[in-house]
Protein backbone atom coordinates (compact mmCIF):
# COMPACT_ATOMS: atom_id res chain seq x y z
CA MET A 1 -3.68 9.44 -6.67
CA THR A 2 -4.56 12.93 -8.14
CA PRO A 3 -1.25 13.83 -9.89
CA GLY A 4 -1.62 17.32 -9.02
CA SER A 5 -1.91 16.80 -5.29
CA ALA A 6 0.27 19.76 -3.73
CA ALA A 7 0.81 17.81 -0.35
CA LEU A 8 1.98 14.67 -2.49
CA GLY A 9 3.84 16.62 -5.27
CA HIS A 10 6.15 18.21 -2.70
CA ILE A 11 8.01 14.93 -1.98
CA ARG A 12 7.66 12.60 -4.61
CA ASP A 13 9.81 13.75 -7.08
CA ARG A 14 12.38 13.90 -3.86
CA VAL A 15 11.31 10.46 -2.86
CA ASP A 16 11.85 8.99 -6.54
CA ARG A 17 15.35 10.66 -6.43
CA ALA A 18 16.53 9.18 -3.21
CA LEU A 19 15.13 5.72 -4.27
CA GLN A 20 17.27 5.73 -7.48
CA ALA A 21 20.50 6.98 -5.42
CA PHE A 22 19.93 4.09 -2.75
CA VAL A 23 19.01 1.24 -5.72
CA GLY A 24 21.88 2.51 -7.50
CA GLN A 25 24.20 1.99 -4.98
CA GLN A 26 22.81 -1.40 -4.09
CA ARG A 27 22.64 -2.35 -7.65
CA GLY A 28 26.81 -2.31 -7.55
CA VAL A 29 26.68 -4.49 -4.64
CA LEU A 30 24.63 -7.14 -6.61
CA LEU A 31 26.60 -7.03 -9.82
CA ALA A 32 29.45 -7.66 -7.79
CA ALA A 33 28.26 -10.95 -7.27
CA GLY A 34 28.03 -11.60 -11.25
CA ASP A 35 26.26 -10.55 -14.05
CA ASP A 36 23.53 -13.25 -13.17
CA LEU A 37 22.19 -10.61 -11.05
CA ARG A 38 21.34 -8.31 -13.34
CA PRO A 39 18.11 -9.18 -14.13
CA GLY A 40 16.89 -9.39 -10.36
CA ALA A 41 18.10 -5.69 -10.22
CA ASP A 42 16.35 -4.49 -13.47
CA SER A 43 13.02 -5.93 -11.92
CA ILE A 44 13.70 -4.20 -8.71
CA ALA A 45 14.13 -0.79 -10.53
CA ALA A 46 11.53 -1.27 -12.82
CA LEU A 47 9.35 -2.06 -9.80
CA LEU A 48 9.97 0.80 -7.85
CA ALA A 49 9.54 3.35 -10.60
CA GLY A 50 6.00 3.28 -10.17
CA GLY A 51 3.63 3.78 -7.34
CA LYS A 52 1.82 6.71 -5.79
CA ARG A 53 4.73 7.22 -2.65
CA LEU A 54 1.67 7.16 -0.38
CA ARG A 55 3.35 5.96 2.69
CA PRO A 56 6.52 8.35 2.38
CA ALA A 57 3.89 11.28 2.16
CA PHE A 58 2.06 10.27 5.07
CA CYS A 59 5.79 9.57 7.04
CA TYR A 60 6.81 12.82 6.01
CA TRP A 61 3.60 14.93 6.94
CA GLY A 62 3.38 13.16 10.04
CA TRP A 63 6.94 14.13 10.71
CA ARG A 64 5.79 17.73 9.74
CA GLY A 65 3.08 17.69 11.81
CA ALA A 66 4.94 17.00 14.77
CA GLY A 67 7.14 20.01 13.88
CA GLY A 68 9.92 18.41 11.88
CA PRO A 69 12.01 20.50 9.34
CA ASP A 70 11.68 20.01 5.56
CA CYS A 71 15.05 18.65 5.42
CA PRO A 72 16.70 15.64 2.85
CA GLU A 73 17.23 13.23 5.91
CA ILE A 74 13.15 12.65 6.24
CA ILE A 75 12.66 12.33 2.50
CA ASN A 76 15.36 9.19 2.79
CA ALA A 77 14.05 7.69 5.97
CA ALA A 78 10.10 8.21 4.51
CA ALA A 79 11.29 6.72 1.04
CA ALA A 80 12.35 3.66 2.96
CA LEU A 81 8.96 2.79 3.19
CA GLU A 82 8.74 2.56 -0.65
CA LEU A 83 11.18 -0.42 -0.31
CA LEU A 84 8.95 -2.16 2.39
CA HIS A 85 5.99 -1.78 0.13
CA ALA A 86 7.79 -2.95 -3.01
CA GLY A 87 8.73 -6.36 -0.95
CA ALA A 88 5.26 -6.65 0.39
CA LEU A 89 3.79 -6.26 -3.32
CA ILE A 90 6.10 -8.85 -4.74
CA HIS A 91 5.27 -11.29 -2.03
CA ASP A 92 1.47 -10.42 -2.16
CA ASP A 93 1.49 -10.80 -6.08
CA LEU A 94 3.00 -14.39 -5.71
CA MET A 95 0.36 -15.57 -2.94
CA ASP A 96 -2.44 -14.41 -4.87
CA ALA A 97 -0.86 -15.73 -8.23
CA SER A 98 -1.30 -12.29 -9.96
CA ASP A 99 -0.14 -12.03 -13.51
CA THR A 100 0.74 -8.22 -13.30
CA ARG A 101 1.39 -5.09 -11.21
CA ARG A 102 1.89 -1.47 -12.27
CA GLY A 103 1.13 -2.62 -15.75
CA GLN A 104 3.96 -4.91 -16.18
CA PRO A 105 4.23 -8.84 -15.66
CA SER A 106 4.60 -9.57 -11.90
CA VAL A 107 8.34 -10.45 -10.69
CA HIS A 108 7.37 -14.20 -10.40
CA ARG A 109 5.90 -14.21 -13.99
CA GLN A 110 8.87 -12.34 -15.29
CA PHE A 111 11.62 -14.76 -13.81
CA GLU A 112 8.82 -18.00 -14.45
CA ALA A 113 8.77 -16.83 -18.09
CA ARG A 114 12.88 -16.22 -18.23
CA HIS A 115 13.20 -19.94 -17.18
CA ALA A 116 10.76 -21.10 -19.92
CA ASP A 117 12.48 -19.33 -22.72
CA ARG A 118 15.77 -20.36 -22.27
CA GLY A 119 14.70 -24.13 -21.60
CA TRP A 120 16.43 -24.41 -18.12
CA HIS A 121 16.18 -27.52 -15.89
CA GLY A 122 13.42 -27.89 -13.55
CA SER A 123 10.15 -26.23 -12.90
CA ALA A 124 9.53 -22.65 -14.67
CA ASP A 125 7.02 -21.98 -11.68
CA ALA A 126 9.03 -23.36 -9.01
CA PHE A 127 12.22 -20.96 -10.08
CA GLY A 128 9.70 -17.73 -10.78
CA MET A 129 8.47 -18.30 -6.99
CA GLY A 130 11.92 -18.78 -5.60
CA VAL A 131 13.04 -15.57 -7.21
CA ALA A 132 10.40 -13.37 -6.02
CA ILE A 133 10.58 -14.54 -2.63
CA LEU A 134 14.01 -13.85 -2.68
CA LEU A 135 13.68 -10.32 -4.16
CA GLY A 136 10.64 -9.32 -1.85
CA ASP A 137 12.91 -10.48 1.23
CA LEU A 138 16.09 -8.43 -0.18
CA LEU A 139 13.76 -5.17 -0.42
CA ILE A 140 12.47 -5.95 3.11
CA CYS A 141 16.04 -6.07 4.11
CA TRP A 142 17.06 -3.00 2.26
CA THR A 143 14.32 -1.17 4.20
CA ASP A 144 16.44 -1.25 7.42
CA GLU A 145 19.35 -0.19 5.34
CA MET A 146 18.09 2.74 3.78
CA PHE A 147 15.87 3.97 6.86
CA HIS A 148 19.46 3.74 9.45
CA ALA A 149 21.65 5.36 6.44
CA SER A 150 18.97 8.07 6.11
CA GLY A 151 20.98 10.72 7.57
CA LEU A 152 18.72 11.42 10.86
CA PRO A 153 20.39 11.59 14.08
CA ALA A 154 20.94 7.84 16.10
CA ASP A 155 18.45 8.85 18.68
CA ALA A 156 15.61 9.71 15.97
CA LEU A 157 16.21 6.59 14.52
CA ARG A 158 15.84 4.85 17.81
CA ARG A 159 12.58 6.35 18.43
CA GLY A 160 11.20 5.26 15.01
CA ARG A 161 12.70 1.76 14.88
CA PRO A 162 9.98 0.52 17.30
CA VAL A 163 7.32 1.95 14.82
CA LEU A 164 8.63 0.52 11.72
CA ASP A 165 8.93 -2.86 13.28
CA ARG A 166 5.49 -3.05 14.23
CA MET A 167 4.35 -1.67 10.94
CA ARG A 168 6.09 -4.71 9.49
CA THR A 169 4.54 -6.96 12.04
CA GLU A 170 1.11 -5.75 11.52
CA VAL A 171 1.26 -6.32 7.85
CA PHE A 172 2.21 -9.75 8.30
CA ALA A 173 -0.81 -10.12 10.32
CA GLY A 174 -3.11 -8.46 7.87
CA GLN A 175 -1.52 -11.12 4.94
CA TYR A 176 -2.25 -14.05 7.27
CA LEU A 177 -5.68 -12.91 7.75
CA ASP A 178 -6.43 -12.23 4.35
CA LEU A 179 -4.98 -15.81 3.29
CA LEU A 180 -7.15 -17.43 6.26
CA GLY A 181 -10.44 -15.81 5.14
CA GLN A 182 -9.73 -16.97 1.68
CA ALA A 183 -8.97 -20.63 2.75
CA VAL A 184 -11.98 -20.65 5.34
CA GLY A 185 -14.30 -18.67 3.29
CA ASP A 186 -14.75 -16.18 5.19
CA GLU A 187 -17.45 -13.80 3.47
CA THR A 188 -18.67 -11.55 6.02
CA VAL A 189 -18.22 -7.94 5.85
CA ALA A 190 -16.61 -7.95 9.63
CA GLY A 191 -14.00 -10.61 8.47
CA ALA A 192 -13.05 -8.26 5.45
CA LEU A 193 -12.82 -5.19 7.33
CA ARG A 194 -10.38 -6.99 10.22
CA VAL A 195 -8.25 -7.70 7.11
CA VAL A 196 -8.18 -4.21 5.90
CA GLU A 197 -7.54 -2.56 9.48
CA PHE A 198 -3.97 -4.29 9.59
CA LYS A 199 -3.28 -4.95 5.54
CA THR A 200 -4.01 -1.56 4.55
CA ALA A 201 -5.32 1.03 7.14
CA LYS A 202 -2.46 0.81 9.97
CA TYR A 203 0.25 -0.14 7.14
CA THR A 204 -0.46 2.34 4.64
CA ILE A 205 -1.71 5.76 6.47
CA GLU A 206 -1.73 5.07 10.33
CA ARG A 207 1.78 3.84 11.08
CA PRO A 208 3.61 5.90 8.44
CA LEU A 209 2.39 9.08 10.27
CA HIS A 210 3.28 7.47 13.57
CA LEU A 211 6.49 6.70 12.30
CA GLY A 212 7.28 10.52 11.05
CA ALA A 213 5.79 11.93 14.57
CA ALA A 214 8.28 9.33 16.45
CA LEU A 215 11.25 10.46 14.08
CA ALA A 216 10.36 13.99 14.94
CA GLY A 217 10.35 13.74 18.68
CA ALA A 218 6.65 14.10 19.30
CA GLY A 219 6.27 13.99 22.94
CA PRO A 220 4.61 15.66 26.29
CA GLU A 221 6.56 19.10 25.64
CA PRO A 222 3.92 22.21 24.86
CA ALA A 223 4.20 24.14 21.81
CA GLY A 224 5.01 27.62 21.59
CA ASP A 225 3.52 29.85 18.77
CA GLY A 226 4.91 28.88 15.30
CA GLY A 227 7.18 26.52 17.00
CA THR A 228 7.38 22.47 17.70
CA VAL A 229 4.21 20.83 18.27
CA ARG A 230 5.15 18.15 20.57
CA ASP A 231 1.99 16.53 22.41
CA GLY A 232 1.43 13.13 23.43
CA SER A 233 -2.00 13.16 21.82
CA LEU A 234 -0.77 13.72 18.63
CA ALA A 235 -0.27 9.64 18.05
CA ALA A 236 -4.00 9.47 18.76
CA ALA A 237 -4.86 12.25 16.43
CA TYR A 238 -3.10 10.37 13.77
CA THR A 239 -4.91 7.30 14.65
CA ALA A 240 -8.15 9.09 14.59
CA TYR A 241 -7.30 10.06 10.77
CA GLY A 242 -5.54 7.24 9.51
CA LEU A 243 -7.42 4.37 10.48
CA PRO A 244 -11.01 5.40 8.51
CA LEU A 245 -8.81 6.96 5.77
CA GLY A 246 -7.13 3.72 5.16
CA ILE A 247 -10.58 1.98 5.07
CA ALA A 248 -11.65 4.47 2.55
CA PHE A 249 -8.54 3.90 0.68
CA GLN A 250 -9.12 0.25 0.40
CA LEU A 251 -12.64 0.60 -0.21
CA ARG A 252 -11.95 2.70 -3.08
CA ASP A 253 -9.04 -0.21 -4.27
CA ASP A 254 -11.96 -2.61 -3.89
CA ILE A 255 -14.22 -0.88 -6.69
CA LEU A 256 -11.22 -0.12 -8.83
CA GLY A 257 -9.99 -3.88 -8.57
CA VAL A 258 -13.33 -4.63 -10.41
CA PHE A 259 -14.68 -1.53 -12.23
CA GLY A 260 -11.30 -0.06 -12.78
CA ASP A 261 -9.68 1.16 -15.98
CA PRO A 262 -6.48 -1.31 -16.61
CA ALA A 263 -4.49 2.00 -17.86
CA GLN A 264 -5.17 3.45 -14.70
CA THR A 265 -4.72 0.30 -12.13
CA GLY A 266 -1.95 -1.27 -13.98
CA LYS A 267 -4.03 -4.67 -13.81
CA PRO A 268 -6.33 -6.39 -15.86
CA ALA A 269 -10.23 -5.56 -15.68
CA GLY A 270 -11.78 -7.73 -12.92
CA ASP A 271 -8.67 -8.78 -11.59
CA ASP A 272 -9.72 -9.07 -8.22
CA VAL A 273 -12.71 -11.05 -9.24
CA ARG A 274 -10.28 -13.50 -11.27
CA GLU A 275 -8.09 -13.64 -7.68
CA GLY A 276 -11.03 -14.54 -5.84
CA LYS A 277 -10.10 -11.80 -3.50
CA ARG A 278 -13.13 -11.61 -0.58
CA THR A 279 -13.13 -7.84 -0.30
CA VAL A 280 -15.80 -5.65 1.58
CA LEU A 281 -17.19 -5.07 -1.77
CA LEU A 282 -17.84 -8.63 -2.40
CA ALA A 283 -18.79 -9.18 1.08
CA ILE A 284 -21.31 -6.35 0.86
CA ALA A 285 -22.67 -7.88 -2.53
CA ARG A 286 -22.81 -11.20 -1.07
CA SER A 287 -24.70 -10.37 1.80
CA ARG A 288 -27.32 -8.28 -0.18
CA ALA A 289 -27.50 -10.69 -3.35
CA THR A 290 -30.60 -12.41 -4.79
CA ALA A 291 -30.39 -16.11 -5.58
CA GLY A 292 -29.73 -15.22 -9.33
CA GLN A 293 -26.79 -12.49 -8.26
CA ALA A 294 -25.13 -15.35 -5.86
CA LYS A 295 -25.06 -17.89 -8.65
CA VAL A 296 -23.22 -15.41 -10.72
CA ILE A 297 -20.84 -14.22 -8.26
CA ASP A 298 -20.25 -17.64 -7.20
CA ARG A 299 -19.34 -18.59 -10.71
CA TYR A 300 -17.01 -16.29 -11.60
CA LEU A 301 -15.37 -15.59 -8.32
CA GLY A 302 -11.65 -16.97 -8.23
CA ASP A 303 -11.95 -18.17 -12.11
CA PRO A 304 -8.70 -17.54 -13.54
CA LEU A 305 -10.14 -17.93 -17.17
CA LEU A 306 -12.53 -14.83 -16.46
CA ASP A 307 -13.00 -13.22 -19.85
CA GLU A 308 -14.52 -10.00 -20.71
CA ALA A 309 -17.96 -11.12 -21.14
CA GLY A 310 -17.67 -12.58 -17.45
CA THR A 311 -16.50 -9.37 -16.22
CA ALA A 312 -19.13 -7.69 -17.21
CA GLU A 313 -21.48 -10.17 -15.86
CA ILE A 314 -20.28 -10.09 -12.35
CA ARG A 315 -20.02 -6.17 -12.82
CA ALA A 316 -23.51 -5.95 -13.51
CA ALA A 317 -24.49 -8.44 -10.74
CA ILE A 318 -22.39 -6.67 -7.98
CA THR A 319 -23.89 -3.21 -9.08
CA GLY A 320 -27.28 -4.56 -8.74
CA THR A 321 -26.93 -5.81 -5.18
CA GLY A 322 -26.10 -1.89 -4.27
CA ALA A 323 -22.86 -2.93 -3.06
CA VAL A 324 -21.06 -0.23 -5.23
CA ALA A 325 -23.48 2.40 -4.00
CA GLU A 326 -22.88 1.34 -0.37
CA CYS A 327 -19.23 1.52 -0.64
CA GLU A 328 -19.36 4.92 -2.20
CA ARG A 329 -21.05 6.03 0.85
CA MET A 330 -18.65 4.23 3.20
CA ILE A 331 -16.19 6.03 1.54
CA GLY A 332 -17.34 9.38 1.89
CA ARG A 333 -18.46 8.68 5.60
CA HIS A 334 -14.83 7.55 6.30
CA VAL A 335 -13.11 10.45 4.69
CA SER A 336 -15.31 12.87 6.61
CA GLU A 337 -14.19 11.23 9.88
CA ALA A 338 -10.76 11.41 8.90
CA ILE A 339 -10.65 15.01 7.78
CA ALA A 340 -12.77 15.61 11.29
CA ALA A 341 -10.16 14.11 13.56
CA LEU A 342 -7.62 16.68 12.33
CA ASP A 343 -9.88 19.60 13.70
CA GLY A 344 -7.84 20.90 16.57
CA ALA A 345 -5.26 18.15 16.58
CA PRO A 346 -2.14 18.96 17.80
CA MET A 347 0.04 19.64 14.94
CA THR A 348 1.05 22.47 12.43
CA GLY A 349 -1.28 24.20 10.29
CA GLU A 350 0.56 23.14 7.23
CA ALA A 351 0.75 19.53 8.01
CA ARG A 352 -3.31 19.88 8.75
CA GLU A 353 -3.99 21.19 5.48
CA ALA A 354 -1.73 18.50 3.56
CA LEU A 355 -3.45 15.93 5.21
CA ALA A 356 -6.75 17.21 4.47
CA GLU A 357 -5.83 17.29 0.88
CA LEU A 358 -4.49 14.01 1.07
CA ALA A 359 -7.58 12.40 2.24
CA VAL A 360 -9.16 13.61 -0.71
CA ALA A 361 -6.73 12.87 -3.10
CA ALA A 362 -5.99 9.13 -1.75
CA THR A 363 -9.80 8.48 -2.33
CA ALA A 364 -10.31 10.02 -5.76
CA ARG A 365 -12.49 8.05 -8.06
CA ASP A 366 -9.67 8.04 -10.85
CA GLY A 367 -7.26 5.94 -8.58
């Protein structure tokens, strides 16, 4: 995400402050149970200190596009999505056996090391996994707490709740499809795109936009000049924008997962290959690979000991298939489709401009 993106910068610092206030309050609740909870509280705070704040940004602009005012309450409600995201990341890292997240050890690795360093009883691996499950669950529970304590009116929260519930169910579906695809060896582009739709596109962009619109009361009422926009087709416009943009966002992430700079991605080079992820990029590469290129991909995909030389070799093989260039073309097409969906959409002009800016910023080459 481009740091200077005005559409994001407008709310990012406010989301950070809202999260700090909420987590600070929850820290006191945890520590009331004893100082043994301090490492968990610290781990949560460190994880939440990073991140692009994309989901709150799309929720906020979904609200503004529906005519909602700029106010602290929508920032609080939108910020709750970062708690959901952080919980999902902890679980995702555990399922993928990822060693790092945002430039620091992943949560299960932190507590695995804590157990081992202190010579505690039992399995350090099992302890790390158990703590990660608990902290991920806790953050997902806190999502509801922060959402309902946002200060928005009760009728607004009732309108938004079904969207938030569906968002969580859909990301579960995406996570399961991801696990299933790896288990059965699905290496098709269609299978990878189905995972992207539910694990990324809906969860990152479409549903946060829908949540913002629902909270603002988007409905069938016509809008007056400069007034609130309330039109039943707004959700459809958000879908037409959000799904292709979400796919483009994940395609960029696929490329960064193999070719990205660890200083920007917060993960080691080639980490997606090391974890054996069946991404769209890898699916395209496999479908186009020569026998020699396929042999290289098969040798390194899912190898936990993948080193710098192996990373360079598989990068060359993937690039040689034309998969990177094809992903770049797909990103361009999907971003153009998303921006085109904003033309004539029943939303405020400010939100339309912000969403067009976010479409470009969220898929930037620098990650």
